[in-house]
Amino acid sequence: MPLPRITSEEQRLEQLSADLQSAVDDADLSLQHVFSSHLVLAGAGHVENSVIQILGEYGRVNGNPVMKRFVEKAVSRNNSLNCEKIKLISDQFHPDWWPQLELAMLANEKDAVDSLKTLRDQVAHGRRNGTGFTIVKGYFKNAKLFVRKYSLVVLGH
């Protein structure tokens, strides 16, 4: 089970996704794009926040509150995370984490994290990406699975 803050954020984002889904059904394509972009930003942010919280908790458990704050601040400087960046950060803590995660995760979970990051960058730079809401919702679902597996590898739960 992931950290309570991660679970709480996932529940909030699930509600957001459900609210957006009900609005998407009756919206024209340009409005659907806005809803899709909003979910992209929320999903990519969830991955980033989760990695920060998981590694911060690792610092707290294996160090102290000062170490936890240091880890959270240091990791938060790495924004717009894709799997390559998460691997580089993780390797600084323990070289076995990423190989363990690769064994546990499915290709579509890794692809979801990378796709959310790519789409997030496109939205942030004002480009339309044309990715539909249903596709983004699937990325979010698979990114949540990635976060849970990352937490399991790093924290053991």
C-alpha atoms as a PDB file:
ATOM      1  CA  MET A   1       0.000   0.000   0.000  1.00  0.00           C
ATOM      2  CA  PRO A   2       1.488   3.361  -0.971  1.00  0.00           C
ATOM      3  CA  LEU A   3       1.980   6.199   1.473  1.00  0.00           C
ATOM      4  CA  PRO A   4      -1.258   7.821   2.719  1.00  0.00           C
ATOM      5  CA  ARG A   5      -0.425  11.099   0.933  1.00  0.00           C
ATOM      6  CA  ILE A   6      -0.073   9.233  -2.361  1.00  0.00           C
ATOM      7  CA  THR A   7      -3.303   7.313  -1.805  1.00  0.00           C
ATOM      8  CA  SER A   8      -5.115  10.539  -0.935  1.00  0.00           C
ATOM      9  CA  GLU A   9      -3.807  12.252  -4.067  1.00  0.00           C
ATOM     10  CA  GLU A  10      -4.828   9.260  -6.196  1.00  0.00           C
ATOM     11  CA  GLN A  11      -8.360   9.407  -4.786  1.00  0.00           C
ATOM     12  CA  ARG A  12      -8.564  13.137  -5.505  1.00  0.00           C
ATOM     13  CA  LEU A  13      -7.325  12.588  -9.062  1.00  0.00           C
ATOM     14  CA  GLU A  14      -9.728   9.679  -9.596  1.00  0.00           C
ATOM     15  CA  GLN A  15     -12.579  12.017  -8.677  1.00  0.00           C
ATOM     16  CA  LEU A  16     -11.193  14.665 -11.027  1.00  0.00           C
ATOM     17  CA  SER A  17     -10.978  12.076 -13.789  1.00  0.00           C
ATOM     18  CA  ALA A  18     -14.577  10.979 -13.188  1.00  0.00           C
ATOM     19  CA  ASP A  19     -15.786  14.596 -13.190  1.00  0.00           C
ATOM     20  CA  LEU A  20     -13.911  15.342 -16.401  1.00  0.00           C
ATOM     21  CA  GLN A  21     -15.171  12.125 -18.006  1.00  0.00           C
ATOM     22  CA  SER A  22     -18.780  13.114 -17.424  1.00  0.00           C
ATOM     23  CA  ALA A  23     -18.110  16.515 -19.002  1.00  0.00           C
ATOM     24  CA  VAL A  24     -16.120  15.064 -21.923  1.00  0.00           C
ATOM     25  CA  ASP A  25     -19.028  12.949 -23.089  1.00  0.00           C
ATOM     26  CA  ASP A  26     -21.025  16.052 -24.044  1.00  0.00           C
ATOM     27  CA  ALA A  27     -18.160  18.357 -25.063  1.00  0.00           C
ATOM     28  CA  ASP A  28     -16.902  19.359 -28.485  1.00  0.00           C
ATOM     29  CA  LEU A  29     -13.379  18.365 -29.549  1.00  0.00           C
ATOM     30  CA  SER A  30     -11.669  21.587 -28.454  1.00  0.00           C
ATOM     31  CA  LEU A  31     -13.140  21.317 -24.961  1.00  0.00           C
ATOM     32  CA  GLN A  32     -12.216  17.626 -24.810  1.00  0.00           C
ATOM     33  CA  HIS A  33      -8.642  18.712 -25.523  1.00  0.00           C
ATOM     34  CA  VAL A  34      -8.734  21.073 -22.530  1.00  0.00           C
ATOM     35  CA  PHE A  35      -9.980  18.280 -20.256  1.00  0.00           C
ATOM     36  CA  SER A  36      -7.390  15.885 -21.642  1.00  0.00           C
ATOM     37  CA  SER A  37      -4.618  18.436 -21.060  1.00  0.00           C
ATOM     38  CA  HIS A  38      -5.777  18.985 -17.491  1.00  0.00           C
ATOM     39  CA  LEU A  39      -5.602  15.260 -16.771  1.00  0.00           C
ATOM     40  CA  VAL A  40      -2.148  15.084 -18.415  1.00  0.00           C
ATOM     41  CA  LEU A  41      -0.830  17.764 -16.070  1.00  0.00           C
ATOM     42  CA  ALA A  42      -2.451  16.143 -13.033  1.00  0.00           C
ATOM     43  CA  GLY A  43      -1.138  12.680 -13.957  1.00  0.00           C
ATOM     44  CA  ALA A  44       2.420  13.830 -14.654  1.00  0.00           C
ATOM     45  CA  GLY A  45       2.369  15.843 -11.425  1.00  0.00           C
ATOM     46  CA  HIS A  46       1.196  12.771  -9.544  1.00  0.00           C
ATOM     47  CA  VAL A  47       4.173  10.744 -10.768  1.00  0.00           C
ATOM     48  CA  GLU A  48       6.588  13.542  -9.788  1.00  0.00           C
ATOM     49  CA  ASN A  49       5.023  14.093  -6.357  1.00  0.00           C
ATOM     50  CA  SER A  50       4.927  10.360  -5.679  1.00  0.00           C
ATOM     51  CA  VAL A  51       8.612   9.860  -6.501  1.00  0.00           C
ATOM     52  CA  ILE A  52       9.476  12.795  -4.207  1.00  0.00           C
ATOM     53  CA  GLN A  53       7.310  11.434  -1.383  1.00  0.00           C
ATOM     54  CA  ILE A  54       8.574   7.862  -1.723  1.00  0.00           C
ATOM     55  CA  LEU A  55      12.239   8.871  -1.728  1.00  0.00           C
ATOM     56  CA  GLY A  56      11.579  11.371   1.075  1.00  0.00           C
ATOM     57  CA  GLU A  57      10.059   8.602   3.155  1.00  0.00           C
ATOM     58  CA  TYR A  58      13.077   6.426   2.373  1.00  0.00           C
ATOM     59  CA  GLY A  59      15.273   9.260   3.689  1.00  0.00           C
ATOM     60  CA  ARG A  60      13.171   9.560   6.852  1.00  0.00           C
ATOM     61  CA  VAL A  61      13.157   5.825   7.567  1.00  0.00           C
ATOM     62  CA  ASN A  62      16.872   5.384   6.848  1.00  0.00           C
ATOM     63  CA  GLY A  63      18.000   8.719   8.229  1.00  0.00           C
ATOM     64  CA  ASN A  64      16.028  11.361  10.049  1.00  0.00           C
ATOM     65  CA  PRO A  65      13.627  14.267   9.354  1.00  0.00           C
ATOM     66  CA  VAL A  66      16.512  16.456   8.171  1.00  0.00           C
ATOM     67  CA  MET A  67      17.543  13.775   5.674  1.00  0.00           C
ATOM     68  CA  LYS A  68      13.906  13.470   4.539  1.00  0.00           C
ATOM     69  CA  ARG A  69      13.681  17.221   3.827  1.00  0.00           C
ATOM     70  CA  PHE A  70      17.021  17.175   2.017  1.00  0.00           C
ATOM     71  CA  VAL A  71      15.971  14.253  -0.174  1.00  0.00           C
ATOM     72  CA  GLU A  72      12.608  15.833  -0.992  1.00  0.00           C
ATOM     73  CA  LYS A  73      14.218  19.175  -1.904  1.00  0.00           C
ATOM     74  CA  ALA A  74      16.990  17.544  -3.952  1.00  0.00           C
ATOM     75  CA  VAL A  75      14.611  15.269  -5.864  1.00  0.00           C
ATOM     76  CA  SER A  76      12.052  18.041  -6.446  1.00  0.00           C
ATOM     77  CA  ARG A  77      14.632  19.942  -8.501  1.00  0.00           C
ATOM     78  CA  ASN A  78      14.239  17.205 -11.101  1.00  0.00           C
ATOM     79  CA  ASN A  79      10.882  18.068 -12.605  1.00  0.00           C
ATOM     80  CA  SER A  80       9.082  16.664 -15.620  1.00  0.00           C
ATOM     81  CA  LEU A  81      10.088  13.115 -14.732  1.00  0.00           C
ATOM     82  CA  ASN A  82      10.112  10.284 -17.214  1.00  0.00           C
ATOM     83  CA  CYS A  83      11.430   6.787 -16.535  1.00  0.00           C
ATOM     84  CA  GLU A  84      14.959   7.692 -17.614  1.00  0.00           C
ATOM     85  CA  LYS A  85      15.128  10.518 -15.058  1.00  0.00           C
ATOM     86  CA  ILE A  86      13.522   8.379 -12.347  1.00  0.00           C
ATOM     87  CA  LYS A  87      16.131   5.690 -13.039  1.00  0.00           C
ATOM     88  CA  LEU A  88      18.991   8.209 -12.762  1.00  0.00           C
ATOM     89  CA  ILE A  89      17.633   9.539  -9.468  1.00  0.00           C
ATOM     90  CA  SER A  90      16.968   6.047  -8.123  1.00  0.00           C
ATOM     91  CA  ASP A  91      20.440   4.836  -9.056  1.00  0.00           C
ATOM     92  CA  GLN A  92      21.884   7.526  -6.776  1.00  0.00           C
ATOM     93  CA  PHE A  93      20.164   5.797  -3.850  1.00  0.00           C
ATOM     94  CA  HIS A  94      20.482   2.121  -4.701  1.00  0.00           C
ATOM     95  CA  PRO A  95      21.691   0.513  -7.943  1.00  0.00           C
ATOM     96  CA  ASP A  96      19.387  -2.516  -7.515  1.00  0.00           C
ATOM     97  CA  TRP A  97      16.108  -0.586  -7.391  1.00  0.00           C
ATOM     98  CA  TRP A  98      15.662   0.041 -11.094  1.00  0.00           C
ATOM     99  CA  PRO A  99      16.444  -3.530 -12.194  1.00  0.00           C
ATOM    100  CA  GLN A 100      13.935  -4.759  -9.584  1.00  0.00           C
ATOM    101  CA  LEU A 101      11.349  -2.295 -10.865  1.00  0.00           C
ATOM    102  CA  GLU A 102      11.949  -3.329 -14.473  1.00  0.00           C
ATOM    103  CA  LEU A 103      11.206  -6.927 -13.514  1.00  0.00           C
ATOM    104  CA  ALA A 104       7.969  -5.880 -11.786  1.00  0.00           C
ATOM    105  CA  MET A 105       6.566  -3.323 -14.211  1.00  0.00           C
ATOM    106  CA  LEU A 106       4.833  -3.894 -17.496  1.00  0.00           C
ATOM    107  CA  ALA A 107       5.857  -2.083 -20.657  1.00  0.00           C
ATOM    108  CA  ASN A 108       2.579  -0.138 -20.766  1.00  0.00           C
ATOM    109  CA  GLU A 109       3.223   1.205 -17.236  1.00  0.00           C
ATOM    110  CA  LYS A 110       6.638   2.506 -18.262  1.00  0.00           C
ATOM    111  CA  ASP A 111       5.189   3.884 -21.497  1.00  0.00           C
ATOM    112  CA  ALA A 112       2.430   5.641 -19.539  1.00  0.00           C
ATOM    113  CA  VAL A 113       4.929   7.519 -17.358  1.00  0.00           C
ATOM    114  CA  ASP A 114       6.984   8.506 -20.396  1.00  0.00           C
ATOM    115  CA  SER A 115       3.882   9.515 -22.381  1.00  0.00           C
ATOM    116  CA  LEU A 116       2.516  11.673 -19.556  1.00  0.00           C
ATOM    117  CA  LYS A 117       5.880  13.440 -19.348  1.00  0.00           C
ATOM    118  CA  THR A 118       6.003  14.019 -23.113  1.00  0.00           C
ATOM    119  CA  LEU A 119       2.409  15.256 -23.214  1.00  0.00           C
ATOM    120  CA  ARG A 120       3.004  17.419 -20.133  1.00  0.00           C
ATOM    121  CA  ASP A 121       5.901  19.123 -21.896  1.00  0.00           C
ATOM    122  CA  GLN A 122       3.768  19.711 -24.990  1.00  0.00           C
ATOM    123  CA  VAL A 123       0.946  21.235 -22.926  1.00  0.00           C
ATOM    124  CA  ALA A 124       3.412  23.357 -20.948  1.00  0.00           C
ATOM    125  CA  HIS A 125       4.794  24.773 -24.211  1.00  0.00           C
ATOM    126  CA  GLY A 126       1.359  25.494 -25.666  1.00  0.00           C
ATOM    127  CA  ARG A 127       1.278  22.732 -28.253  1.00  0.00           C
ATOM    128  CA  ARG A 128      -1.818  20.709 -29.003  1.00  0.00           C
ATOM    129  CA  ASN A 129      -1.097  17.023 -28.820  1.00  0.00           C
ATOM    130  CA  GLY A 130      -4.333  15.524 -30.146  1.00  0.00           C
ATOM    131  CA  THR A 131      -4.339  12.759 -27.547  1.00  0.00           C
ATOM    132  CA  GLY A 132      -7.876  11.892 -26.519  1.00  0.00           C
ATOM    133  CA  PHE A 133      -9.217  11.860 -22.994  1.00  0.00           C
ATOM    134  CA  THR A 134      -9.678   8.081 -22.908  1.00  0.00           C
ATOM    135  CA  ILE A 135      -6.036   7.516 -23.873  1.00  0.00           C
ATOM    136  CA  VAL A 136      -4.819   9.956 -21.208  1.00  0.00           C
ATOM    137  CA  LYS A 137      -7.073   8.303 -18.630  1.00  0.00           C
ATOM    138  CA  GLY A 138      -5.395   4.983 -19.488  1.00  0.00           C
ATOM    139  CA  TYR A 139      -1.960   6.566 -19.069  1.00  0.00           C
ATOM    140  CA  PHE A 140      -3.004   7.851 -15.653  1.00  0.00           C
ATOM    141  CA  LYS A 141      -4.253   4.396 -14.623  1.00  0.00           C
ATOM    142  CA  ASN A 142      -0.985   2.748 -15.676  1.00  0.00           C
ATOM    143  CA  ALA A 143       1.124   5.504 -14.094  1.00  0.00           C
ATOM    144  CA  LYS A 144      -0.618   4.774 -10.785  1.00  0.00           C
ATOM    145  CA  LEU A 145       0.441   1.135 -11.117  1.00  0.00           C
ATOM    146  CA  PHE A 146       4.002   2.294 -11.786  1.00  0.00           C
ATOM    147  CA  VAL A 147       3.924   4.432  -8.609  1.00  0.00           C
ATOM    148  CA  ARG A 148       2.664   1.506  -6.530  1.00  0.00           C
ATOM    149  CA  LYS A 149       5.426  -0.757  -7.844  1.00  0.00           C
ATOM    150  CA  TYR A 150       8.046   1.941  -7.303  1.00  0.00           C
ATOM    151  CA  SER A 151       6.871   2.313  -3.713  1.00  0.00           C
ATOM    152  CA  LEU A 152       7.042  -1.441  -3.226  1.00  0.00           C
ATOM    153  CA  VAL A 153      10.618  -1.608  -4.510  1.00  0.00           C
ATOM    154  CA  VAL A 154      11.889   1.425  -2.566  1.00  0.00           C
ATOM    155  CA  LEU A 155       9.892   1.164   0.666  1.00  0.00           C
ATOM    156  CA  GLY A 156       8.786  -2.454   0.676  1.00  0.00           C
ATOM    157  CA  HIS A 157       5.105  -1.437   0.701  1.00  0.00           C
END
